[in-house]
Amino acid sequence: MKIERDIQGDFVVEPDDLANRFGLSGADLRLKLKRGLVKSRVETGQAEDAGNFRLTVRIGNRIWLAILDADGRMVRETGPLHGKAITRAHYGLRQNSSGAGEG
């Protein structure tokens, strides 16, 4: 996946790559963007992710997460996830054998 930084330092994801991650066509993604259905957020990494960034993209009830290094290279990615899996992935919770989240 190609992720670049623009002149303002914002991360820019190739639309077709992002659409592919969500199982959408490029046209479907563009339509969702126009309708305001695609939300994104960039957070500065903490703890083991210090010096990195977490890019979160949400479309409806699905979420895709990527950890990027300072140069915008993807270190790892998760998703797209649905429902309760979103909360566990977003907040770094692991699921134990009983099915309950643990930090």
PDB file of N, CA and C in Angstrom:
ATOM      1  N   MET A   1       0.854  -1.174   0.000  1.00  0.00           N
ATOM      2  CA  MET A   1       0.000   0.000   0.000  1.00  0.00           C
ATOM      3  C   MET A   1       0.897   1.233   0.000  1.00  0.00           C
ATOM      4  N   LYS A   2       0.559   2.188  -0.837  1.00  0.00           N
ATOM      5  CA  LYS A   2       1.335   3.417  -0.941  1.00  0.00           C
ATOM      6  C   LYS A   2       0.724   4.498  -0.050  1.00  0.00           C
ATOM      7  N   ILE A   3       1.513   4.972   0.909  1.00  0.00           N
ATOM      8  CA  ILE A   3       1.096   6.054   1.806  1.00  0.00           C
ATOM      9  C   ILE A   3       2.189   7.107   1.758  1.00  0.00           C
ATOM     10  N   GLU A   4       1.807   8.321   1.427  1.00  0.00           N
ATOM     11  CA  GLU A   4       2.766   9.425   1.344  1.00  0.00           C
ATOM     12  C   GLU A   4       2.357  10.525   2.299  1.00  0.00           C
ATOM     13  N   ARG A   5       3.257  11.470   2.488  1.00  0.00           N
ATOM     14  CA  ARG A   5       2.931  12.669   3.276  1.00  0.00           C
ATOM     15  C   ARG A   5       2.934  13.856   2.332  1.00  0.00           C
ATOM     16  N   ASP A   6       1.900  14.698   2.475  1.00  0.00           N
ATOM     17  CA  ASP A   6       1.834  15.884   1.622  1.00  0.00           C
ATOM     18  C   ASP A   6       2.672  17.007   2.226  1.00  0.00           C
ATOM     19  N   ILE A   7       2.643  18.152   1.597  1.00  0.00           N
ATOM     20  CA  ILE A   7       3.478  19.271   2.022  1.00  0.00           C
ATOM     21  C   ILE A   7       3.148  19.767   3.433  1.00  0.00           C
ATOM     22  N   GLN A   8       1.898  19.555   3.876  1.00  0.00           N
ATOM     23  CA  GLN A   8       1.502  19.936   5.234  1.00  0.00           C
ATOM     24  C   GLN A   8       1.845  18.852   6.254  1.00  0.00           C
ATOM     25  N   GLY A   9       2.342  17.712   5.777  1.00  0.00           N
ATOM     26  CA  GLY A   9       2.678  16.617   6.679  1.00  0.00           C
ATOM     27  C   GLY A   9       1.554  15.627   6.902  1.00  0.00           C
ATOM     28  N   ASP A  10       0.413  15.819   6.204  1.00  0.00           N
ATOM     29  CA  ASP A  10      -0.712  14.890   6.319  1.00  0.00           C
ATOM     30  C   ASP A  10      -0.409  13.622   5.523  1.00  0.00           C
ATOM     31  N   PHE A  11      -0.909  12.495   6.010  1.00  0.00           N
ATOM     32  CA  PHE A  11      -0.743  11.233   5.299  1.00  0.00           C
ATOM     33  C   PHE A  11      -1.784  11.139   4.193  1.00  0.00           C
ATOM     34  N   VAL A  12      -1.358  10.661   3.039  1.00  0.00           N
ATOM     35  CA  VAL A  12      -2.238  10.509   1.881  1.00  0.00           C
ATOM     36  C   VAL A  12      -2.167   9.052   1.440  1.00  0.00           C
ATOM     37  N   VAL A  13      -3.327   8.406   1.381  1.00  0.00           N
ATOM     38  CA  VAL A  13      -3.429   7.003   0.991  1.00  0.00           C
ATOM     39  C   VAL A  13      -4.011   6.940  -0.412  1.00  0.00           C
ATOM     40  N   GLU A  14      -3.449   6.077  -1.248  1.00  0.00           N
ATOM     41  CA  GLU A  14      -3.994   5.877  -2.589  1.00  0.00           C
ATOM     42  C   GLU A  14      -5.422   5.336  -2.462  1.00  0.00           C
ATOM     43  N   PRO A  15      -6.404   6.002  -3.068  1.00  0.00           N
ATOM     44  CA  PRO A  15      -7.799   5.580  -2.919  1.00  0.00           C
ATOM     45  C   PRO A  15      -8.061   4.132  -3.332  1.00  0.00           C
ATOM     46  N   ASP A  16      -7.450   3.680  -4.424  1.00  0.00           N
ATOM     47  CA  ASP A  16      -7.697   2.308  -4.863  1.00  0.00           C
ATOM     48  C   ASP A  16      -7.141   1.296  -3.866  1.00  0.00           C
ATOM     49  N   ASP A  17      -6.000   1.596  -3.250  1.00  0.00           N
ATOM     50  CA  ASP A  17      -5.434   0.713  -2.224  1.00  0.00           C
ATOM     51  C   ASP A  17      -6.365   0.633  -1.021  1.00  0.00           C
ATOM     52  N   LEU A  18      -6.873   1.790  -0.596  1.00  0.00           N
ATOM     53  CA  LEU A  18      -7.775   1.815   0.554  1.00  0.00           C
ATOM     54  C   LEU A  18      -9.090   1.089   0.225  1.00  0.00           C
ATOM     55  N   ALA A  19      -9.617   1.331  -0.949  1.00  0.00           N
ATOM     56  CA  ALA A  19     -10.847   0.654  -1.369  1.00  0.00           C
ATOM     57  C   ALA A  19     -10.650  -0.858  -1.322  1.00  0.00           C
ATOM     58  N   ASN A  20      -9.511  -1.321  -1.798  1.00  0.00           N
ATOM     59  CA  ASN A  20      -9.207  -2.750  -1.792  1.00  0.00           C
ATOM     60  C   ASN A  20      -9.200  -3.315  -0.374  1.00  0.00           C
ATOM     61  N   ARG A  21      -8.680  -2.567   0.580  1.00  0.00           N
ATOM     62  CA  ARG A  21      -8.647  -3.035   1.963  1.00  0.00           C
ATOM     63  C   ARG A  21     -10.059  -3.274   2.506  1.00  0.00           C
ATOM     64  N   PHE A  22     -11.014  -2.465   2.054  1.00  0.00           N
ATOM     65  CA  PHE A  22     -12.395  -2.581   2.521  1.00  0.00           C
ATOM     66  C   PHE A  22     -13.263  -3.436   1.592  1.00  0.00           C
ATOM     67  N   GLY A  23     -12.662  -3.988   0.549  1.00  0.00           N
ATOM     68  CA  GLY A  23     -13.428  -4.809  -0.384  1.00  0.00           C
ATOM     69  C   GLY A  23     -14.377  -3.992  -1.245  1.00  0.00           C
ATOM     70  N   LEU A  24     -14.009  -2.739  -1.507  1.00  0.00           N
ATOM     71  CA  LEU A  24     -14.837  -1.838  -2.308  1.00  0.00           C
ATOM     72  C   LEU A  24     -14.155  -1.556  -3.635  1.00  0.00           C
ATOM     73  N   SER A  25     -14.926  -1.102  -4.600  1.00  0.00           N
ATOM     74  CA  SER A  25     -14.332  -0.582  -5.830  1.00  0.00           C
ATOM     75  C   SER A  25     -13.882   0.848  -5.563  1.00  0.00           C
ATOM     76  N   GLY A  26     -13.013   1.358  -6.396  1.00  0.00           N
ATOM     77  CA  GLY A  26     -12.588   2.745  -6.267  1.00  0.00           C
ATOM     78  C   GLY A  26     -13.765   3.701  -6.375  1.00  0.00           C
ATOM     79  N   ALA A  27     -14.706   3.390  -7.270  1.00  0.00           N
ATOM     80  CA  ALA A  27     -15.893   4.236  -7.452  1.00  0.00           C
ATOM     81  C   ALA A  27     -16.757   4.230  -6.193  1.00  0.00           C
ATOM     82  N   ASP A  28     -16.916   3.062  -5.567  1.00  0.00           N
ATOM     83  CA  ASP A  28     -17.706   2.983  -4.330  1.00  0.00           C
ATOM     84  C   ASP A  28     -17.060   3.805  -3.219  1.00  0.00           C
ATOM     85  N   LEU A  29     -15.743   3.719  -3.105  1.00  0.00           N
ATOM     86  CA  LEU A  29     -15.047   4.495  -2.078  1.00  0.00           C
ATOM     87  C   LEU A  29     -15.219   5.989  -2.329  1.00  0.00           C
ATOM     88  N   ARG A  30     -15.051   6.420  -3.571  1.00  0.00           N
ATOM     89  CA  ARG A  30     -15.208   7.844  -3.880  1.00  0.00           C
ATOM     90  C   ARG A  30     -16.617   8.332  -3.551  1.00  0.00           C
ATOM     91  N   LEU A  31     -17.622   7.508  -3.819  1.00  0.00           N
ATOM     92  CA  LEU A  31     -19.005   7.867  -3.492  1.00  0.00           C
ATOM     93  C   LEU A  31     -19.173   8.010  -1.977  1.00  0.00           C
ATOM     94  N   LYS A  32     -18.608   7.079  -1.218  1.00  0.00           N
ATOM     95  CA  LYS A  32     -18.690   7.154   0.248  1.00  0.00           C
ATOM     96  C   LYS A  32     -17.950   8.386   0.767  1.00  0.00           C
ATOM     97  N   LEU A  33     -16.823   8.729   0.149  1.00  0.00           N
ATOM     98  CA  LEU A  33     -16.089   9.943   0.532  1.00  0.00           C
ATOM     99  C   LEU A  33     -16.953  11.181   0.293  1.00  0.00           C
ATOM    100  N   LYS A  34     -17.584  11.263  -0.874  1.00  0.00           N
ATOM    101  CA  LYS A  34     -18.435  12.410  -1.203  1.00  0.00           C
ATOM    102  C   LYS A  34     -19.598  12.545  -0.233  1.00  0.00           C
ATOM    103  N   ARG A  35     -20.119  11.420   0.235  1.00  0.00           N
ATOM    104  CA  ARG A  35     -21.254  11.425   1.163  1.00  0.00           C
ATOM    105  C   ARG A  35     -20.826  11.612   2.612  1.00  0.00           C
ATOM    106  N   GLY A  36     -19.524  11.731   2.854  1.00  0.00           N
ATOM    107  CA  GLY A  36     -19.033  11.940   4.213  1.00  0.00           C
ATOM    108  C   GLY A  36     -19.063  10.690   5.075  1.00  0.00           C
ATOM    109  N   LEU A  37     -19.059   9.520   4.449  1.00  0.00           N
ATOM    110  CA  LEU A  37     -19.167   8.263   5.184  1.00  0.00           C
ATOM    111  C   LEU A  37     -17.810   7.665   5.555  1.00  0.00           C
ATOM    112  N   VAL A  38     -16.730   8.286   5.099  1.00  0.00           N
ATOM    113  CA  VAL A  38     -15.386   7.802   5.401  1.00  0.00           C
ATOM    114  C   VAL A  38     -14.764   8.767   6.407  1.00  0.00           C
ATOM    115  N   LYS A  39     -14.380   8.236   7.555  1.00  0.00           N
ATOM    116  CA  LYS A  39     -13.765   9.046   8.610  1.00  0.00           C
ATOM    117  C   LYS A  39     -12.338   8.551   8.815  1.00  0.00           C
ATOM    118  N   SER A  40     -11.437   9.480   9.077  1.00  0.00           N
ATOM    119  CA  SER A  40     -10.051   9.079   9.331  1.00  0.00           C
ATOM    120  C   SER A  40      -9.491   9.885  10.491  1.00  0.00           C
ATOM    121  N   ARG A  41      -8.450   9.313  11.075  1.00  0.00           N
ATOM    122  CA  ARG A  41      -7.808   9.950  12.215  1.00  0.00           C
ATOM    123  C   ARG A  41      -6.351   9.505  12.248  1.00  0.00           C
ATOM    124  N   VAL A  42      -5.469  10.420  12.617  1.00  0.00           N
ATOM    125  CA  VAL A  42      -4.052  10.099  12.790  1.00  0.00           C
ATOM    126  C   VAL A  42      -3.686  10.436  14.220  1.00  0.00           C
ATOM    127  N   GLU A  43      -3.060   9.475  14.894  1.00  0.00           N
ATOM    128  CA  GLU A  43      -2.632   9.673  16.274  1.00  0.00           C
ATOM    129  C   GLU A  43      -1.137   9.411  16.376  1.00  0.00           C
ATOM    130  N   THR A  44      -0.488  10.143  17.262  1.00  0.00           N
ATOM    131  CA  THR A  44       0.926   9.931  17.518  1.00  0.00           C
ATOM    132  C   THR A  44       1.089   8.718  18.408  1.00  0.00           C
ATOM    133  N   GLY A  45       2.009   7.831  18.035  1.00  0.00           N
ATOM    134  CA  GLY A  45       2.217   6.601  18.784  1.00  0.00           C
ATOM    135  C   GLY A  45       2.757   6.845  20.183  1.00  0.00           C
ATOM    136  N   GLN A  46       2.381   5.956  21.087  1.00  0.00           N
ATOM    137  CA  GLN A  46       2.859   6.000  22.469  1.00  0.00           C
ATOM    138  C   GLN A  46       3.347   4.610  22.846  1.00  0.00           C
ATOM    139  N   ALA A  47       4.055   4.520  23.960  1.00  0.00           N
ATOM    140  CA  ALA A  47       4.586   3.244  24.469  1.00  0.00           C
ATOM    141  C   ALA A  47       5.425   2.587  23.381  1.00  0.00           C
ATOM    142  N   GLU A  48       5.102   1.332  23.006  1.00  0.00           N
ATOM    143  CA  GLU A  48       5.921   0.620  22.022  1.00  0.00           C
ATOM    144  C   GLU A  48       5.806   1.225  20.629  1.00  0.00           C
ATOM    145  N   ASP A  49       4.823   2.097  20.405  1.00  0.00           N
ATOM    146  CA  ASP A  49       4.658   2.753  19.110  1.00  0.00           C
ATOM    147  C   ASP A  49       5.187   4.189  19.092  1.00  0.00           C
ATOM    148  N   ALA A  50       5.965   4.575  20.099  1.00  0.00           N
ATOM    149  CA  ALA A  50       6.525   5.926  20.146  1.00  0.00           C
ATOM    150  C   ALA A  50       7.349   6.178  18.879  1.00  0.00           C
ATOM    151  N   GLY A  51       7.188   7.359  18.300  1.00  0.00           N
ATOM    152  CA  GLY A  51       7.878   7.712  17.068  1.00  0.00           C
ATOM    153  C   GLY A  51       7.121   7.288  15.820  1.00  0.00           C
ATOM    154  N   ASN A  52       6.051   6.554  16.001  1.00  0.00           N
ATOM    155  CA  ASN A  52       5.215   6.115  14.891  1.00  0.00           C
ATOM    156  C   ASN A  52       3.877   6.836  14.939  1.00  0.00           C
ATOM    157  N   PHE A  53       3.043   6.542  13.966  1.00  0.00           N
ATOM    158  CA  PHE A  53       1.711   7.117  13.891  1.00  0.00           C
ATOM    159  C   PHE A  53       0.705   6.000  13.691  1.00  0.00           C
ATOM    160  N   ARG A  54      -0.507   6.188  14.230  1.00  0.00           N
ATOM    161  CA  ARG A  54      -1.588   5.235  13.977  1.00  0.00           C
ATOM    162  C   ARG A  54      -2.607   5.931  13.100  1.00  0.00           C
ATOM    163  N   LEU A  55      -2.826   5.361  11.938  1.00  0.00           N
ATOM    164  CA  LEU A  55      -3.828   5.853  10.999  1.00  0.00           C
ATOM    165  C   LEU A  55      -5.038   4.951  11.119  1.00  0.00           C
ATOM    166  N   THR A  56      -6.194   5.555  11.391  1.00  0.00           N
ATOM    167  CA  THR A  56      -7.445   4.819  11.522  1.00  0.00           C
ATOM    168  C   THR A  56      -8.417   5.323  10.468  1.00  0.00           C
ATOM    169  N   VAL A  57      -8.985   4.404   9.702  1.00  0.00           N
ATOM    170  CA  VAL A  57      -9.999   4.760   8.711  1.00  0.00           C
ATOM    171  C   VAL A  57     -11.242   3.941   9.036  1.00  0.00           C
ATOM    172  N   ARG A  58     -12.374   4.650   9.131  1.00  0.00           N
ATOM    173  CA  ARG A  58     -13.647   4.002   9.458  1.00  0.00           C
ATOM    174  C   ARG A  58     -14.637   4.267   8.332  1.00  0.00           C
ATOM    175  N   ILE A  59     -15.272   3.176   7.885  1.00  0.00           N
ATOM    176  CA  ILE A  59     -16.362   3.275   6.923  1.00  0.00           C
ATOM    177  C   ILE A  59     -17.511   2.479   7.516  1.00  0.00           C
ATOM    178  N   GLY A  60     -18.550   3.175   7.947  1.00  0.00           N
ATOM    179  CA  GLY A  60     -19.679   2.512   8.595  1.00  0.00           C
ATOM    180  C   GLY A  60     -19.234   1.795   9.851  1.00  0.00           C
ATOM    181  N   ASN A  61     -19.496   0.494   9.933  1.00  0.00           N
ATOM    182  CA  ASN A  61     -19.131  -0.262  11.129  1.00  0.00           C
ATOM    183  C   ASN A  61     -17.813  -1.023  10.947  1.00  0.00           C
ATOM    184  N   ARG A  62     -17.045  -0.647   9.930  1.00  0.00           N
ATOM    185  CA  ARG A  62     -15.762  -1.299   9.678  1.00  0.00           C
ATOM    186  C   ARG A  62     -14.627  -0.316   9.899  1.00  0.00           C
ATOM    187  N   ILE A  63     -13.510  -0.843  10.393  1.00  0.00           N
ATOM    188  CA  ILE A  63     -12.363   0.007  10.690  1.00  0.00           C
ATOM    189  C   ILE A  63     -11.093  -0.690  10.226  1.00  0.00           C
ATOM    190  N   TRP A  64     -10.163   0.104   9.703  1.00  0.00           N
ATOM    191  CA  TRP A  64      -8.854  -0.375   9.287  1.00  0.00           C
ATOM    192  C   TRP A  64      -7.819   0.465  10.027  1.00  0.00           C
ATOM    193  N   LEU A  65      -6.823  -0.192  10.608  1.00  0.00           N
ATOM    194  CA  LEU A  65      -5.777   0.492  11.368  1.00  0.00           C
ATOM    195  C   LEU A  65      -4.421   0.211  10.741  1.00  0.00           C
ATOM    196  N   ALA A  66      -3.565   1.218  10.703  1.00  0.00           N
ATOM    197  CA  ALA A  66      -2.193   1.032  10.233  1.00  0.00           C
ATOM    198  C   ALA A  66      -1.256   1.783  11.168  1.00  0.00           C
ATOM    199  N   ILE A  67      -0.151   1.138  11.500  1.00  0.00           N
ATOM    200  CA  ILE A  67       0.930   1.803  12.238  1.00  0.00           C
ATOM    201  C   ILE A  67       1.972   2.179  11.201  1.00  0.00           C
ATOM    202  N   LEU A  68       2.305   3.471  11.162  1.00  0.00           N
ATOM    203  CA  LEU A  68       3.251   4.005  10.190  1.00  0.00           C
ATOM    204  C   LEU A  68       4.478   4.533  10.908  1.00  0.00           C
ATOM    205  N   ASP A  69       5.656   4.364  10.292  1.00  0.00           N
ATOM    206  CA  ASP A  69       6.846   4.966  10.882  1.00  0.00           C
ATOM    207  C   ASP A  69       6.886   6.443  10.490  1.00  0.00           C
ATOM    208  N   ALA A  70       7.896   7.152  10.944  1.00  0.00           N
ATOM    209  CA  ALA A  70       7.976   8.601  10.723  1.00  0.00           C
ATOM    210  C   ALA A  70       8.018   8.957   9.238  1.00  0.00           C
ATOM    211  N   ASP A  71       8.480   8.012   8.395  1.00  0.00           N
ATOM    212  CA  ASP A  71       8.555   8.258   6.954  1.00  0.00           C
ATOM    213  C   ASP A  71       7.302   7.816   6.210  1.00  0.00           C
ATOM    214  N   GLY A  72       6.292   7.318   6.942  1.00  0.00           N
ATOM    215  CA  GLY A  72       5.057   6.900   6.311  1.00  0.00           C
ATOM    216  C   GLY A  72       5.053   5.462   5.829  1.00  0.00           C
ATOM    217  N   ARG A  73       6.106   4.708   6.147  1.00  0.00           N
ATOM    218  CA  ARG A  73       6.121   3.290   5.779  1.00  0.00           C
ATOM    219  C   ARG A  73       5.262   2.510   6.765  1.00  0.00           C
ATOM    220  N   MET A  74       4.472   1.587   6.234  1.00  0.00           N
ATOM    221  CA  MET A  74       3.600   0.804   7.092  1.00  0.00           C
ATOM    222  C   MET A  74       4.418  -0.225   7.867  1.00  0.00           C
ATOM    223  N   VAL A  75       4.285  -0.177   9.206  1.00  0.00           N
ATOM    224  CA  VAL A  75       4.937  -1.136  10.084  1.00  0.00           C
ATOM    225  C   VAL A  75       4.045  -2.356  10.247  1.00  0.00           C
ATOM    226  N   ARG A  76       2.748  -2.120  10.425  1.00  0.00           N
ATOM    227  CA  ARG A  76       1.758  -3.201  10.505  1.00  0.00           C
ATOM    228  C   ARG A  76       0.371  -2.623  10.260  1.00  0.00           C
ATOM    229  N   GLU A  77      -0.559  -3.529   9.954  1.00  0.00           N
ATOM    230  CA  GLU A  77      -1.937  -3.106   9.726  1.00  0.00           C
ATOM    231  C   GLU A  77      -2.884  -4.159  10.275  1.00  0.00           C
ATOM    232  N   THR A  78      -4.099  -3.725  10.551  1.00  0.00           N
ATOM    233  CA  THR A  78      -5.148  -4.596  11.065  1.00  0.00           C
ATOM    234  C   THR A  78      -6.450  -4.203  10.396  1.00  0.00           C
ATOM    235  N   GLY A  79      -7.194  -5.201   9.966  1.00  0.00           N
ATOM    236  CA  GLY A  79      -8.533  -4.919   9.493  1.00  0.00           C
ATOM    237  C   GLY A  79      -8.718  -5.141   8.016  1.00  0.00           C
ATOM    238  N   PRO A  80      -9.916  -4.803   7.560  1.00  0.00           N
ATOM    239  CA  PRO A  80     -10.935  -4.112   8.334  1.00  0.00           C
ATOM    240  C   PRO A  80     -11.595  -5.037   9.354  1.00  0.00           C
ATOM    241  N   LEU A  81     -11.934  -4.451  10.482  1.00  0.00           N
ATOM    242  CA  LEU A  81     -12.573  -5.150  11.585  1.00  0.00           C
ATOM    243  C   LEU A  81     -14.020  -4.699  11.699  1.00  0.00           C
ATOM    244  N   HIS A  82     -14.822  -5.525  12.364  1.00  0.00           N
ATOM    245  CA  HIS A  82     -16.240  -5.222  12.564  1.00  0.00           C
ATOM    246  C   HIS A  82     -16.581  -5.347  14.041  1.00  0.00           C
ATOM    247  N   GLY A  83     -17.613  -4.647  14.482  1.00  0.00           N
ATOM    248  CA  GLY A  83     -18.196  -4.812  15.809  1.00  0.00           C
ATOM    249  C   GLY A  83     -17.216  -4.740  16.967  1.00  0.00           C
ATOM    250  N   LYS A  84     -17.281  -5.726  17.897  1.00  0.00           N
ATOM    251  CA  LYS A  84     -16.471  -5.713  19.113  1.00  0.00           C
ATOM    252  C   LYS A  84     -14.981  -5.806  18.818  1.00  0.00           C
ATOM    253  N   ALA A  85     -14.611  -6.406  17.717  1.00  0.00           N
ATOM    254  CA  ALA A  85     -13.200  -6.497  17.355  1.00  0.00           C
ATOM    255  C   ALA A  85     -12.597  -5.111  17.177  1.00  0.00           C
ATOM    256  N   ILE A  86     -13.418  -4.139  16.794  1.00  0.00           N
ATOM    257  CA  ILE A  86     -12.937  -2.770  16.626  1.00  0.00           C
ATOM    258  C   ILE A  86     -12.426  -2.231  17.949  1.00  0.00           C
ATOM    259  N   THR A  87     -13.185  -2.378  19.010  1.00  0.00           N
ATOM    260  CA  THR A  87     -12.797  -1.848  20.313  1.00  0.00           C
ATOM    261  C   THR A  87     -11.509  -2.500  20.799  1.00  0.00           C
ATOM    262  N   ARG A  88     -11.398  -3.816  20.673  1.00  0.00           N
ATOM    263  CA  ARG A  88     -10.196  -4.508  21.132  1.00  0.00           C
ATOM    264  C   ARG A  88      -8.974  -4.035  20.362  1.00  0.00           C
ATOM    265  N   ALA A  89      -9.069  -3.921  19.052  1.00  0.00           N
ATOM    266  CA  ALA A  89      -7.924  -3.517  18.242  1.00  0.00           C
ATOM    267  C   ALA A  89      -7.569  -2.059  18.488  1.00  0.00           C
ATOM    268  N   HIS A  90      -8.572  -1.205  18.572  1.00  0.00           N
ATOM    269  CA  HIS A  90      -8.323   0.226  18.706  1.00  0.00           C
ATOM    270  C   HIS A  90      -7.682   0.570  20.051  1.00  0.00           C
ATOM    271  N   TYR A  91      -8.085  -0.131  21.088  1.00  0.00           N
ATOM    272  CA  TYR A  91      -7.561   0.190  22.410  1.00  0.00           C
ATOM    273  C   TYR A  91      -6.484  -0.777  22.869  1.00  0.00           C
ATOM    274  N   GLY A  92      -6.016  -1.640  21.974  1.00  0.00           N
ATOM    275  CA  GLY A  92      -4.902  -2.513  22.293  1.00  0.00           C
ATOM    276  C   GLY A  92      -5.244  -3.637  23.247  1.00  0.00           C
ATOM    277  N   LEU A  93      -6.513  -4.045  23.298  1.00  0.00           N
ATOM    278  CA  LEU A  93      -6.906  -5.117  24.197  1.00  0.00           C
ATOM    279  C   LEU A  93      -6.710  -6.458  23.515  1.00  0.00           C
ATOM    280  N   ARG A  94      -6.284  -7.436  24.282  1.00  0.00           N
ATOM    281  CA  ARG A  94      -6.152  -8.801  23.789  1.00  0.00           C
ATOM    282  C   ARG A  94      -7.325  -9.596  24.321  1.00  0.00           C
ATOM    283  N   GLN A  95      -7.718 -10.607  23.595  1.00  0.00           N
ATOM    284  CA  GLN A  95      -8.820 -11.440  24.058  1.00  0.00           C
ATOM    285  C   GLN A  95      -8.237 -12.663  24.755  1.00  0.00           C
ATOM    286  N   ASN A  96      -8.676 -12.906  26.014  1.00  0.00           N
ATOM    287  CA  ASN A  96      -8.195 -14.079  26.724  1.00  0.00           C
ATOM    288  C   ASN A  96      -9.073 -15.284  26.384  1.00  0.00           C
ATOM    289  N   SER A  97      -8.776 -16.428  26.957  1.00  0.00           N
ATOM    290  CA  SER A  97      -9.473 -17.662  26.600  1.00  0.00           C
ATOM    291  C   SER A  97     -10.949 -17.635  26.948  1.00  0.00           C
ATOM    292  N   SER A  98     -11.366 -16.788  27.894  1.00  0.00           N
ATOM    293  CA  SER A  98     -12.787 -16.726  28.244  1.00  0.00           C
ATOM    294  C   SER A  98     -13.567 -15.822  27.305  1.00  0.00           C
ATOM    295  N   GLY A  99     -12.846 -15.121  26.397  1.00  0.00           N
ATOM    296  CA  GLY A  99     -13.519 -14.231  25.464  1.00  0.00           C
ATOM    297  C   GLY A  99     -13.593 -12.798  25.961  1.00  0.00           C
ATOM    298  N   ALA A 100     -13.135 -12.553  27.205  1.00  0.00           N
ATOM    299  CA  ALA A 100     -13.166 -11.201  27.754  1.00  0.00           C
ATOM    300  C   ALA A 100     -11.873 -10.483  27.369  1.00  0.00           C
ATOM    301  N   GLY A 101     -11.973  -9.180  27.165  1.00  0.00           N
ATOM    302  CA  GLY A 101     -10.784  -8.397  26.837  1.00  0.00           C
ATOM    303  C   GLY A 101      -9.923  -8.175  28.062  1.00  0.00           C
ATOM    304  N   GLU A 102      -8.636  -8.127  27.827  1.00  0.00           N
ATOM    305  CA  GLU A 102      -7.708  -7.823  28.915  1.00  0.00           C
ATOM    306  C   GLU A 102      -6.681  -6.847  28.389  1.00  0.00           C
ATOM    307  N   GLY A 103      -6.166  -5.966  29.248  1.00  0.00           N
ATOM    308  CA  GLY A 103      -5.232  -4.939  28.768  1.00  0.00           C
ATOM    309  C   GLY A 103      -3.817  -5.316  28.912  1.00  0.00           C
TER     310      GLY A 103
END
